[in-house]
Amino acid sequence: MQLKVVALLILQIGVSIQHWCGYQPSLRLVNEDRNLIASNDKTLTYVKREINDYDYGNDDSSLISGYNVPQLDSFFDGLNLETGIFTAPATRTYKVTLTAILTNLGYEDTAGSLSSYAQLFILQNGHLYSLDNYLLVEHNKVGDLRLEVDMQKGDTLQVFVGHHVNDKTRAKRNGYGGFETVQCFNLEQVRFCIF
């Protein structure tokens, strides 16, 4: 009997200290021709320790130097970094955090004449069950969402990117007409953690 109690206690401690985190330094997606593609209406995915396997849209792998990026195999026990989907390994209540910021360069470059925002949703089993699972990310503000989510073993969580644009177009300011594209309205430093 005592052996069963000790085994259950060890199991409970092991489950209670498990945590999973995904990190996306900059949501600026490119295709195989290195052209920008839309980053809205997609499940957010995360970088992994194999930096060369991930395309940041440039060749500078130092973008995340000094940051503790999860190991490639961390998806086997909950969060799949490549798909962005967390699968609950046990039935219990999980504490979930989501933080993000919207880069301010495009806003500053236009002296505030252009602005944007981003929408992030935490979906459970592919559905938005509560508006409490919605995060609005604005310029110059860190978006922060904290939840407790009851999950059954095998249930899933994912961060879904609703509205998000990387670039905006405006009339040229040089007096000659035409349009110009202003870059840098992308989501940055997105961190999704489950405890």
N, C-alpha and C. Protein backbone atom coordinates (compact mmCIF):
# COMPACT_ATOMS: atom_id res chain seq x y z
N MET A 1 0.83 -1.20 0.00
CA MET A 1 0.00 0.00 0.00
C MET A 1 0.87 1.25 0.00
N GLN A 2 1.90 1.27 0.86
CA GLN A 2 2.77 2.44 0.93
C GLN A 2 3.50 2.65 -0.39
N LEU A 3 3.85 1.56 -1.07
CA LEU A 3 4.54 1.67 -2.35
C LEU A 3 3.64 2.35 -3.38
N LYS A 4 2.34 2.03 -3.37
CA LYS A 4 1.41 2.67 -4.30
C LYS A 4 1.28 4.16 -4.01
N VAL A 5 1.21 4.52 -2.75
CA VAL A 5 1.10 5.93 -2.36
C VAL A 5 2.35 6.70 -2.81
N VAL A 6 3.52 6.12 -2.58
CA VAL A 6 4.78 6.77 -2.99
C VAL A 6 4.83 6.91 -4.50
N ALA A 7 4.42 5.86 -5.23
CA ALA A 7 4.43 5.91 -6.69
C ALA A 7 3.48 7.00 -7.20
N LEU A 8 2.28 7.10 -6.61
CA LEU A 8 1.33 8.13 -7.01
C LEU A 8 1.86 9.53 -6.69
N LEU A 9 2.51 9.69 -5.57
CA LEU A 9 3.10 10.98 -5.20
C LEU A 9 4.18 11.39 -6.18
N ILE A 10 5.05 10.46 -6.55
CA ILE A 10 6.10 10.76 -7.53
C ILE A 10 5.49 11.12 -8.87
N LEU A 11 4.48 10.37 -9.30
CA LEU A 11 3.80 10.67 -10.56
C LEU A 11 3.17 12.06 -10.53
N GLN A 12 2.50 12.41 -9.43
CA GLN A 12 1.87 13.72 -9.30
C GLN A 12 2.90 14.84 -9.35
N ILE A 13 4.02 14.66 -8.68
CA ILE A 13 5.08 15.69 -8.70
C ILE A 13 5.63 15.83 -10.11
N GLY A 14 5.84 14.70 -10.79
CA GLY A 14 6.35 14.74 -12.16
C GLY A 14 5.41 15.47 -13.09
N VAL A 15 4.11 15.20 -12.97
CA VAL A 15 3.12 15.87 -13.82
C VAL A 15 3.03 17.35 -13.48
N SER A 16 3.13 17.70 -12.20
CA SER A 16 2.94 19.09 -11.80
C SER A 16 4.11 19.99 -12.20
N ILE A 17 5.30 19.43 -12.43
CA ILE A 17 6.43 20.28 -12.81
C ILE A 17 6.66 20.30 -14.31
N GLN A 18 5.87 19.54 -15.08
CA GLN A 18 6.01 19.57 -16.52
C GLN A 18 5.56 20.92 -17.05
N HIS A 19 6.27 21.40 -18.03
CA HIS A 19 5.82 22.60 -18.73
C HIS A 19 6.36 22.56 -20.15
N TRP A 20 5.67 23.28 -21.02
CA TRP A 20 6.03 23.33 -22.42
C TRP A 20 5.93 24.78 -22.86
N CYS A 21 6.90 25.24 -23.64
CA CYS A 21 6.87 26.60 -24.16
C CYS A 21 7.30 26.61 -25.62
N GLY A 22 6.61 27.43 -26.39
CA GLY A 22 6.99 27.68 -27.78
C GLY A 22 7.34 29.15 -27.93
N TYR A 23 8.30 29.44 -28.81
CA TYR A 23 8.74 30.82 -29.02
C TYR A 23 8.80 31.11 -30.51
N GLN A 24 8.24 32.25 -30.90
CA GLN A 24 8.31 32.72 -32.28
C GLN A 24 8.86 34.14 -32.24
N PRO A 25 10.14 34.33 -32.65
CA PRO A 25 10.76 35.65 -32.53
C PRO A 25 10.14 36.70 -33.46
N SER A 26 9.69 36.28 -34.64
CA SER A 26 9.11 37.25 -35.58
C SER A 26 8.24 36.51 -36.58
N LEU A 27 6.98 36.89 -36.66
CA LEU A 27 6.05 36.24 -37.58
C LEU A 27 6.06 36.99 -38.91
N ARG A 28 6.97 36.58 -39.75
CA ARG A 28 7.13 37.17 -41.08
C ARG A 28 7.41 36.00 -42.01
N LEU A 29 6.38 35.44 -42.62
CA LEU A 29 6.47 34.22 -43.38
C LEU A 29 6.86 34.48 -44.84
N VAL A 30 7.72 33.61 -45.37
CA VAL A 30 8.13 33.69 -46.77
C VAL A 30 7.95 32.33 -47.42
N ASN A 31 7.75 32.34 -48.76
CA ASN A 31 7.64 31.08 -49.48
C ASN A 31 9.02 30.66 -49.99
N GLU A 32 9.06 29.59 -50.80
CA GLU A 32 10.34 29.07 -51.27
C GLU A 32 11.09 30.06 -52.16
N ASP A 33 10.40 31.03 -52.75
CA ASP A 33 11.05 32.07 -53.57
C ASP A 33 11.43 33.29 -52.73
N ARG A 34 11.25 33.18 -51.41
CA ARG A 34 11.58 34.22 -50.44
C ARG A 34 10.68 35.45 -50.56
N ASN A 35 9.48 35.25 -51.13
CA ASN A 35 8.48 36.31 -51.18
C ASN A 35 7.59 36.20 -49.94
N LEU A 36 7.16 37.34 -49.42
CA LEU A 36 6.28 37.34 -48.25
C LEU A 36 4.95 36.68 -48.58
N ILE A 37 4.44 35.92 -47.63
CA ILE A 37 3.11 35.35 -47.77
C ILE A 37 2.28 35.76 -46.56
N ALA A 38 0.99 35.67 -46.70
CA ALA A 38 0.09 36.08 -45.62
C ALA A 38 0.36 35.25 -44.37
N SER A 39 0.30 35.92 -43.22
CA SER A 39 0.54 35.23 -41.95
C SER A 39 -0.71 35.22 -41.08
N ASN A 40 -1.84 35.61 -41.64
CA ASN A 40 -3.09 35.58 -40.88
C ASN A 40 -3.84 34.28 -41.16
N ASP A 41 -4.80 34.00 -40.28
CA ASP A 41 -5.63 32.80 -40.40
C ASP A 41 -4.79 31.52 -40.48
N LYS A 42 -3.82 31.42 -39.57
CA LYS A 42 -2.94 30.26 -39.50
C LYS A 42 -2.67 29.91 -38.05
N THR A 43 -2.35 28.65 -37.81
CA THR A 43 -1.88 28.23 -36.49
C THR A 43 -0.43 28.64 -36.35
N LEU A 44 -0.11 29.26 -35.24
CA LEU A 44 1.26 29.71 -34.98
C LEU A 44 2.16 28.51 -34.73
N THR A 45 3.34 28.52 -35.34
CA THR A 45 4.34 27.49 -35.09
C THR A 45 5.54 28.16 -34.42
N TYR A 46 6.46 27.33 -33.92
CA TYR A 46 7.53 27.86 -33.07
C TYR A 46 8.90 27.40 -33.55
N VAL A 47 9.91 28.19 -33.21
CA VAL A 47 11.28 27.82 -33.58
C VAL A 47 11.74 26.67 -32.71
N LYS A 48 12.72 25.96 -33.23
CA LYS A 48 13.32 24.86 -32.50
C LYS A 48 14.82 25.05 -32.51
N ARG A 49 15.51 24.25 -31.77
CA ARG A 49 16.95 24.44 -31.61
C ARG A 49 17.71 24.34 -32.93
N GLU A 50 17.20 23.59 -33.91
CA GLU A 50 17.87 23.47 -35.21
C GLU A 50 17.55 24.73 -36.02
N ILE A 51 18.27 25.82 -35.77
CA ILE A 51 17.98 27.12 -36.37
C ILE A 51 18.01 27.08 -37.88
N ASN A 52 18.93 26.33 -38.47
CA ASN A 52 19.06 26.32 -39.92
C ASN A 52 17.85 25.71 -40.61
N ASP A 53 17.03 24.94 -39.88
CA ASP A 53 15.83 24.36 -40.46
C ASP A 53 14.68 25.36 -40.54
N TYR A 54 14.85 26.52 -39.96
CA TYR A 54 13.77 27.51 -39.89
C TYR A 54 14.10 28.72 -40.73
N ASP A 55 13.15 29.20 -41.50
CA ASP A 55 13.40 30.33 -42.39
C ASP A 55 12.86 31.61 -41.78
N TYR A 56 13.73 32.50 -41.41
CA TYR A 56 13.32 33.78 -40.82
C TYR A 56 13.06 34.85 -41.86
N GLY A 57 13.29 34.53 -43.14
CA GLY A 57 13.17 35.56 -44.17
C GLY A 57 14.49 36.26 -44.41
N ASN A 58 15.54 35.87 -43.71
CA ASN A 58 16.89 36.38 -43.97
C ASN A 58 17.88 35.32 -43.50
N ASP A 59 19.15 35.59 -43.67
CA ASP A 59 20.17 34.60 -43.33
C ASP A 59 20.80 34.85 -41.98
N ASP A 60 20.22 35.70 -41.15
CA ASP A 60 20.82 36.05 -39.87
C ASP A 60 20.29 35.15 -38.76
N SER A 61 21.01 34.06 -38.47
CA SER A 61 20.55 33.15 -37.43
C SER A 61 20.81 33.71 -36.04
N SER A 62 21.46 34.86 -35.94
CA SER A 62 21.71 35.44 -34.63
C SER A 62 20.47 36.12 -34.05
N LEU A 63 19.36 36.12 -34.79
CA LEU A 63 18.14 36.75 -34.31
C LEU A 63 17.70 36.19 -32.96
N ILE A 64 18.02 34.93 -32.70
CA ILE A 64 17.60 34.35 -31.43
C ILE A 64 18.80 33.90 -30.61
N SER A 65 19.98 34.41 -30.94
CA SER A 65 21.14 34.03 -30.13
C SER A 65 20.93 34.53 -28.72
N GLY A 66 21.38 33.74 -27.76
CA GLY A 66 21.22 34.12 -26.37
C GLY A 66 19.84 33.80 -25.81
N TYR A 67 18.98 33.16 -26.61
CA TYR A 67 17.64 32.80 -26.14
C TYR A 67 17.57 31.28 -26.03
N ASN A 68 17.02 30.77 -24.95
CA ASN A 68 16.94 29.34 -24.73
C ASN A 68 15.79 28.75 -25.55
N VAL A 69 16.10 28.32 -26.75
CA VAL A 69 15.10 27.76 -27.66
C VAL A 69 14.87 26.29 -27.30
N PRO A 70 13.60 25.84 -27.31
CA PRO A 70 13.33 24.43 -26.98
C PRO A 70 14.05 23.47 -27.93
N GLN A 71 14.34 22.27 -27.43
CA GLN A 71 14.96 21.26 -28.27
C GLN A 71 13.99 20.77 -29.32
N LEU A 72 14.55 20.26 -30.41
CA LEU A 72 13.75 19.77 -31.51
C LEU A 72 12.77 18.69 -31.09
N ASP A 73 13.16 17.80 -30.18
CA ASP A 73 12.30 16.68 -29.81
C ASP A 73 11.31 17.00 -28.71
N SER A 74 11.14 18.28 -28.35
CA SER A 74 10.25 18.62 -27.24
C SER A 74 8.78 18.37 -27.55
N PHE A 75 8.42 18.12 -28.82
CA PHE A 75 7.02 17.90 -29.14
C PHE A 75 6.54 16.51 -28.73
N PHE A 76 7.43 15.59 -28.41
CA PHE A 76 7.01 14.25 -28.06
C PHE A 76 6.26 14.20 -26.74
N ASP A 77 6.42 15.19 -25.90
CA ASP A 77 5.76 15.14 -24.61
C ASP A 77 4.72 16.22 -24.42
N GLY A 78 4.18 16.78 -25.47
CA GLY A 78 3.12 17.77 -25.32
C GLY A 78 3.01 18.75 -26.45
N LEU A 79 3.96 19.70 -26.55
CA LEU A 79 3.87 20.77 -27.55
C LEU A 79 4.71 20.41 -28.78
N ASN A 80 4.05 20.29 -29.92
CA ASN A 80 4.73 20.04 -31.19
C ASN A 80 5.10 21.40 -31.78
N LEU A 81 6.38 21.73 -31.79
CA LEU A 81 6.84 23.04 -32.25
C LEU A 81 6.58 23.24 -33.74
N GLU A 82 6.59 22.16 -34.51
CA GLU A 82 6.42 22.27 -35.96
C GLU A 82 4.97 22.50 -36.37
N THR A 83 4.02 21.94 -35.62
CA THR A 83 2.60 22.15 -35.94
C THR A 83 1.99 23.23 -35.07
N GLY A 84 2.62 23.52 -33.93
CA GLY A 84 2.09 24.50 -33.00
C GLY A 84 0.99 23.97 -32.10
N ILE A 85 0.77 22.67 -32.10
CA ILE A 85 -0.34 22.08 -31.35
C ILE A 85 0.17 21.39 -30.07
N PHE A 86 -0.44 21.75 -28.95
CA PHE A 86 -0.18 21.10 -27.67
C PHE A 86 -1.23 20.02 -27.46
N THR A 87 -0.79 18.82 -27.12
CA THR A 87 -1.69 17.71 -26.80
C THR A 87 -1.51 17.36 -25.33
N ALA A 88 -2.59 17.43 -24.57
CA ALA A 88 -2.52 17.17 -23.13
C ALA A 88 -2.11 15.73 -22.87
N PRO A 89 -1.02 15.54 -22.11
CA PRO A 89 -0.60 14.18 -21.79
C PRO A 89 -1.37 13.56 -20.63
N ALA A 90 -2.14 14.39 -19.91
CA ALA A 90 -2.90 13.89 -18.75
C ALA A 90 -4.15 14.75 -18.58
N THR A 91 -5.14 14.20 -17.92
CA THR A 91 -6.36 14.94 -17.61
C THR A 91 -6.10 15.78 -16.36
N ARG A 92 -6.22 17.09 -16.51
CA ARG A 92 -6.03 18.00 -15.36
C ARG A 92 -6.27 19.44 -15.83
N THR A 93 -6.11 20.39 -14.90
CA THR A 93 -6.20 21.82 -15.23
C THR A 93 -4.80 22.32 -15.55
N TYR A 94 -4.65 22.97 -16.69
CA TYR A 94 -3.37 23.52 -17.14
C TYR A 94 -3.41 25.04 -17.03
N LYS A 95 -2.29 25.61 -16.65
CA LYS A 95 -2.13 27.06 -16.65
C LYS A 95 -1.46 27.43 -17.97
N VAL A 96 -2.04 28.41 -18.67
CA VAL A 96 -1.58 28.77 -20.01
C VAL A 96 -1.27 30.26 -20.05
N THR A 97 -0.13 30.61 -20.63
CA THR A 97 0.21 32.02 -20.83
C THR A 97 0.54 32.24 -22.30
N LEU A 98 0.20 33.43 -22.78
CA LEU A 98 0.51 33.84 -24.15
C LEU A 98 0.89 35.31 -24.10
N THR A 99 2.09 35.63 -24.58
CA THR A 99 2.54 37.03 -24.64
C THR A 99 3.06 37.31 -26.03
N ALA A 100 2.92 38.57 -26.46
CA ALA A 100 3.38 38.98 -27.79
C ALA A 100 3.47 40.50 -27.84
N ILE A 101 4.20 40.97 -28.82
CA ILE A 101 4.30 42.41 -29.08
C ILE A 101 4.22 42.63 -30.59
N LEU A 102 3.72 43.76 -31.00
CA LEU A 102 3.67 44.12 -32.41
C LEU A 102 4.80 45.11 -32.66
N THR A 103 5.67 44.78 -33.61
CA THR A 103 6.80 45.66 -33.88
C THR A 103 6.31 47.07 -34.17
N ASN A 104 7.05 48.04 -33.73
CA ASN A 104 6.63 49.43 -33.82
C ASN A 104 7.30 50.18 -34.97
N LEU A 105 8.15 49.50 -35.75
CA LEU A 105 8.92 50.20 -36.78
C LEU A 105 8.04 50.83 -37.86
N GLY A 106 7.04 50.10 -38.34
CA GLY A 106 6.17 50.66 -39.37
C GLY A 106 5.39 51.86 -38.87
N TYR A 107 4.94 51.79 -37.63
CA TYR A 107 4.20 52.90 -37.02
C TYR A 107 5.10 54.12 -36.89
N GLU A 108 6.33 53.90 -36.43
CA GLU A 108 7.28 55.02 -36.26
C GLU A 108 7.71 55.60 -37.60
N ASP A 109 7.95 54.72 -38.60
CA ASP A 109 8.37 55.18 -39.93
C ASP A 109 7.34 56.10 -40.59
N THR A 110 6.08 55.93 -40.23
CA THR A 110 5.02 56.74 -40.83
C THR A 110 4.53 57.82 -39.88
N ALA A 111 5.27 58.07 -38.82
CA ALA A 111 4.90 59.07 -37.81
C ALA A 111 3.47 58.85 -37.30
N GLY A 112 3.08 57.59 -37.21
CA GLY A 112 1.77 57.26 -36.67
C GLY A 112 0.64 57.31 -37.67
N SER A 113 0.92 57.61 -38.96
CA SER A 113 -0.17 57.69 -39.93
C SER A 113 -0.68 56.31 -40.34
N LEU A 114 0.13 55.28 -40.15
CA LEU A 114 -0.31 53.90 -40.38
C LEU A 114 -0.13 53.13 -39.09
N SER A 115 -1.09 52.33 -38.75
CA SER A 115 -0.97 51.49 -37.58
C SER A 115 -1.67 50.17 -37.86
N SER A 116 -1.48 49.23 -36.99
CA SER A 116 -2.11 47.94 -37.16
C SER A 116 -2.31 47.29 -35.80
N TYR A 117 -2.77 46.07 -35.81
CA TYR A 117 -2.97 45.28 -34.61
C TYR A 117 -2.92 43.82 -35.03
N ALA A 118 -2.89 42.94 -34.08
CA ALA A 118 -2.95 41.50 -34.37
C ALA A 118 -3.91 40.85 -33.39
N GLN A 119 -4.53 39.77 -33.86
CA GLN A 119 -5.45 38.99 -33.04
C GLN A 119 -4.86 37.60 -32.84
N LEU A 120 -4.82 37.14 -31.61
CA LEU A 120 -4.38 35.78 -31.29
C LEU A 120 -5.49 35.10 -30.49
N PHE A 121 -5.80 33.88 -30.86
CA PHE A 121 -6.84 33.11 -30.20
C PHE A 121 -6.24 31.80 -29.71
N ILE A 122 -6.57 31.38 -28.50
CA ILE A 122 -6.18 30.06 -28.04
C ILE A 122 -7.38 29.14 -28.27
N LEU A 123 -7.20 28.21 -29.20
CA LEU A 123 -8.27 27.28 -29.54
C LEU A 123 -8.08 25.98 -28.77
N GLN A 124 -9.17 25.46 -28.24
CA GLN A 124 -9.14 24.16 -27.57
C GLN A 124 -9.87 23.17 -28.45
N ASN A 125 -9.18 22.11 -28.82
CA ASN A 125 -9.73 21.10 -29.74
C ASN A 125 -10.25 21.76 -31.02
N GLY A 126 -9.54 22.80 -31.47
CA GLY A 126 -9.88 23.46 -32.72
C GLY A 126 -11.01 24.47 -32.64
N HIS A 127 -11.50 24.76 -31.43
CA HIS A 127 -12.64 25.67 -31.26
C HIS A 127 -12.32 26.79 -30.27
N LEU A 128 -12.96 27.94 -30.49
CA LEU A 128 -12.88 29.05 -29.54
C LEU A 128 -14.10 28.94 -28.63
N TYR A 129 -13.88 28.47 -27.41
CA TYR A 129 -14.98 28.25 -26.49
C TYR A 129 -15.31 29.48 -25.65
N SER A 130 -14.37 30.42 -25.56
CA SER A 130 -14.61 31.59 -24.71
C SER A 130 -13.85 32.78 -25.27
N LEU A 131 -14.44 33.97 -25.15
CA LEU A 131 -13.73 35.19 -25.56
C LEU A 131 -12.60 35.52 -24.60
N ASP A 132 -12.55 34.83 -23.46
CA ASP A 132 -11.40 34.98 -22.56
C ASP A 132 -10.13 34.42 -23.20
N ASN A 133 -10.27 33.64 -24.25
CA ASN A 133 -9.13 33.03 -24.95
C ASN A 133 -8.67 33.89 -26.13
N TYR A 134 -8.97 35.16 -26.10
CA TYR A 134 -8.64 36.10 -27.19
C TYR A 134 -7.65 37.14 -26.67
N LEU A 135 -6.60 37.40 -27.47
CA LEU A 135 -5.61 38.40 -27.12
C LEU A 135 -5.48 39.40 -28.26
N LEU A 136 -5.68 40.67 -27.96
CA LEU A 136 -5.47 41.76 -28.90
C LEU A 136 -4.07 42.31 -28.66
N VAL A 137 -3.26 42.36 -29.73
CA VAL A 137 -1.89 42.86 -29.62
C VAL A 137 -1.82 44.19 -30.36
N GLU A 138 -1.39 45.25 -29.64
CA GLU A 138 -1.33 46.60 -30.19
C GLU A 138 0.12 47.12 -30.17
N HIS A 139 0.35 48.21 -30.91
CA HIS A 139 1.68 48.83 -30.92
C HIS A 139 2.07 49.33 -29.53
N ASN A 140 3.35 49.19 -29.21
CA ASN A 140 3.92 49.70 -27.96
C ASN A 140 3.32 49.10 -26.69
N LYS A 141 2.64 47.95 -26.82
CA LYS A 141 2.07 47.29 -25.65
C LYS A 141 2.35 45.80 -25.74
N VAL A 142 2.80 45.24 -24.65
CA VAL A 142 2.97 43.79 -24.61
C VAL A 142 1.59 43.18 -24.36
N GLY A 143 1.15 42.33 -25.28
CA GLY A 143 -0.10 41.62 -25.09
C GLY A 143 0.13 40.46 -24.15
N ASP A 144 -0.75 40.27 -23.18
CA ASP A 144 -0.56 39.26 -22.15
C ASP A 144 -1.89 38.58 -21.86
N LEU A 145 -1.91 37.26 -21.97
CA LEU A 145 -3.11 36.48 -21.69
C LEU A 145 -2.75 35.34 -20.75
N ARG A 146 -3.55 35.15 -19.71
CA ARG A 146 -3.31 34.09 -18.72
C ARG A 146 -4.62 33.35 -18.50
N LEU A 147 -4.56 32.02 -18.60
CA LEU A 147 -5.77 31.21 -18.49
C LEU A 147 -5.51 29.96 -17.66
N GLU A 148 -6.57 29.40 -17.13
CA GLU A 148 -6.56 28.04 -16.61
C GLU A 148 -7.54 27.26 -17.46
N VAL A 149 -7.07 26.15 -18.02
CA VAL A 149 -7.87 25.39 -18.97
C VAL A 149 -7.99 23.95 -18.48
N ASP A 150 -9.23 23.48 -18.32
CA ASP A 150 -9.47 22.08 -17.97
C ASP A 150 -9.39 21.25 -19.24
N MET A 151 -8.51 20.23 -19.21
CA MET A 151 -8.30 19.41 -20.40
C MET A 151 -8.33 17.94 -20.04
N GLN A 152 -8.86 17.16 -20.96
CA GLN A 152 -8.80 15.71 -20.86
C GLN A 152 -7.54 15.23 -21.59
N LYS A 153 -7.04 14.09 -21.23
CA LYS A 153 -5.88 13.53 -21.93
C LYS A 153 -6.22 13.43 -23.42
N GLY A 154 -5.34 13.97 -24.27
CA GLY A 154 -5.55 13.95 -25.71
C GLY A 154 -6.19 15.22 -26.27
N ASP A 155 -6.75 16.08 -25.40
CA ASP A 155 -7.28 17.36 -25.87
C ASP A 155 -6.13 18.22 -26.40
N THR A 156 -6.46 19.18 -27.25
CA THR A 156 -5.42 20.01 -27.86
C THR A 156 -5.64 21.50 -27.60
N LEU A 157 -4.54 22.23 -27.62
CA LEU A 157 -4.54 23.70 -27.61
C LEU A 157 -3.65 24.16 -28.74
N GLN A 158 -4.00 25.30 -29.34
CA GLN A 158 -3.16 25.91 -30.36
C GLN A 158 -3.42 27.41 -30.37
N VAL A 159 -2.42 28.18 -30.81
CA VAL A 159 -2.58 29.62 -30.97
C VAL A 159 -2.90 29.87 -32.43
N PHE A 160 -4.06 30.46 -32.67
CA PHE A 160 -4.50 30.78 -34.02
C PHE A 160 -4.33 32.27 -34.24
N VAL A 161 -3.66 32.64 -35.33
CA VAL A 161 -3.44 34.04 -35.67
C VAL A 161 -4.62 34.49 -36.53
N GLY A 162 -5.41 35.42 -36.01
CA GLY A 162 -6.53 35.97 -36.77
C GLY A 162 -6.02 37.08 -37.68
N HIS A 163 -6.35 38.32 -37.38
CA HIS A 163 -5.86 39.45 -38.18
C HIS A 163 -4.39 39.70 -37.89
N HIS A 164 -3.61 39.83 -38.95
CA HIS A 164 -2.19 40.18 -38.83
C HIS A 164 -1.67 40.53 -40.22
N VAL A 165 -1.04 41.68 -40.36
CA VAL A 165 -0.40 42.06 -41.62
C VAL A 165 1.04 42.46 -41.33
N ASN A 166 1.92 42.13 -42.26
CA ASN A 166 3.33 42.51 -42.13
C ASN A 166 3.60 43.89 -42.73
N ASP A 167 2.91 44.21 -43.81
CA ASP A 167 3.15 45.43 -44.55
C ASP A 167 1.83 46.13 -44.84
N LYS A 168 1.92 47.45 -45.02
CA LYS A 168 0.75 48.24 -45.40
C LYS A 168 1.13 49.16 -46.55
N THR A 169 0.15 49.52 -47.37
CA THR A 169 0.38 50.38 -48.52
C THR A 169 -0.27 51.73 -48.29
N ARG A 170 0.42 52.79 -48.74
CA ARG A 170 -0.14 54.14 -48.63
C ARG A 170 0.28 54.94 -49.85
N ALA A 171 -0.37 56.06 -50.07
CA ALA A 171 0.01 56.96 -51.17
C ALA A 171 1.39 57.53 -50.87
N LYS A 172 2.20 57.64 -51.91
CA LYS A 172 3.55 58.20 -51.73
C LYS A 172 3.46 59.64 -51.25
N ARG A 173 4.42 60.02 -50.43
CA ARG A 173 4.45 61.35 -49.84
C ARG A 173 5.34 62.32 -50.62
N ASN A 174 5.87 61.88 -51.78
CA ASN A 174 6.82 62.73 -52.51
C ASN A 174 6.17 63.68 -53.50
N GLY A 175 4.86 63.64 -53.62
CA GLY A 175 4.17 64.56 -54.51
C GLY A 175 4.07 64.08 -55.95
N TYR A 176 4.63 62.92 -56.26
CA TYR A 176 4.60 62.40 -57.63
C TYR A 176 3.54 61.33 -57.83
N GLY A 177 2.76 61.04 -56.84
CA GLY A 177 1.71 60.04 -56.94
C GLY A 177 2.24 58.62 -56.81
N GLY A 178 1.34 57.69 -56.93
CA GLY A 178 1.72 56.29 -56.78
C GLY A 178 1.58 55.84 -55.34
N PHE A 179 2.05 54.63 -55.10
CA PHE A 179 1.93 54.04 -53.79
C PHE A 179 3.27 53.49 -53.32
N GLU A 180 3.40 53.38 -52.01
CA GLU A 180 4.59 52.77 -51.43
C GLU A 180 4.15 51.78 -50.36
N THR A 181 4.99 50.77 -50.15
CA THR A 181 4.73 49.77 -49.14
C THR A 181 5.59 50.05 -47.93
N VAL A 182 4.96 50.09 -46.78
CA VAL A 182 5.67 50.29 -45.52
C VAL A 182 5.70 48.94 -44.80
N GLN A 183 6.90 48.49 -44.45
CA GLN A 183 7.06 47.19 -43.80
C GLN A 183 7.12 47.33 -42.29
N CYS A 184 7.15 46.20 -41.66
CA CYS A 184 7.39 46.09 -40.20
C CYS A 184 6.18 46.38 -39.33
N PHE A 185 5.14 45.62 -39.54
CA PHE A 185 3.99 45.61 -38.64
C PHE A 185 3.81 44.21 -38.05
N ASN A 186 4.89 43.41 -38.05
CA ASN A 186 4.75 42.01 -37.70
C ASN A 186 4.78 41.74 -36.20
N LEU A 187 4.16 40.62 -35.84
CA LEU A 187 4.19 40.12 -34.47
C LEU A 187 5.61 39.69 -34.12
N GLU A 188 6.02 39.96 -32.90
CA GLU A 188 7.34 39.57 -32.46
C GLU A 188 7.28 39.04 -31.03
N GLN A 189 8.30 38.26 -30.69
CA GLN A 189 8.49 37.74 -29.33
C GLN A 189 7.24 37.06 -28.78
N VAL A 190 6.63 36.21 -29.61
CA VAL A 190 5.45 35.49 -29.17
C VAL A 190 5.90 34.29 -28.33
N ARG A 191 5.36 34.17 -27.13
CA ARG A 191 5.73 33.09 -26.22
C ARG A 191 4.43 32.45 -25.71
N PHE A 192 4.30 31.14 -25.95
CA PHE A 192 3.13 30.36 -25.56
C PHE A 192 3.60 29.27 -24.61
N CYS A 193 3.13 29.29 -23.36
CA CYS A 193 3.58 28.32 -22.35
C CYS A 193 2.39 27.64 -21.70
N ILE A 194 2.58 26.36 -21.41
CA ILE A 194 1.58 25.55 -20.74
C ILE A 194 2.23 24.91 -19.53
N PHE A 195 1.62 25.07 -18.36
CA PHE A 195 2.13 24.49 -17.11
C PHE A 195 1.11 23.57 -16.50
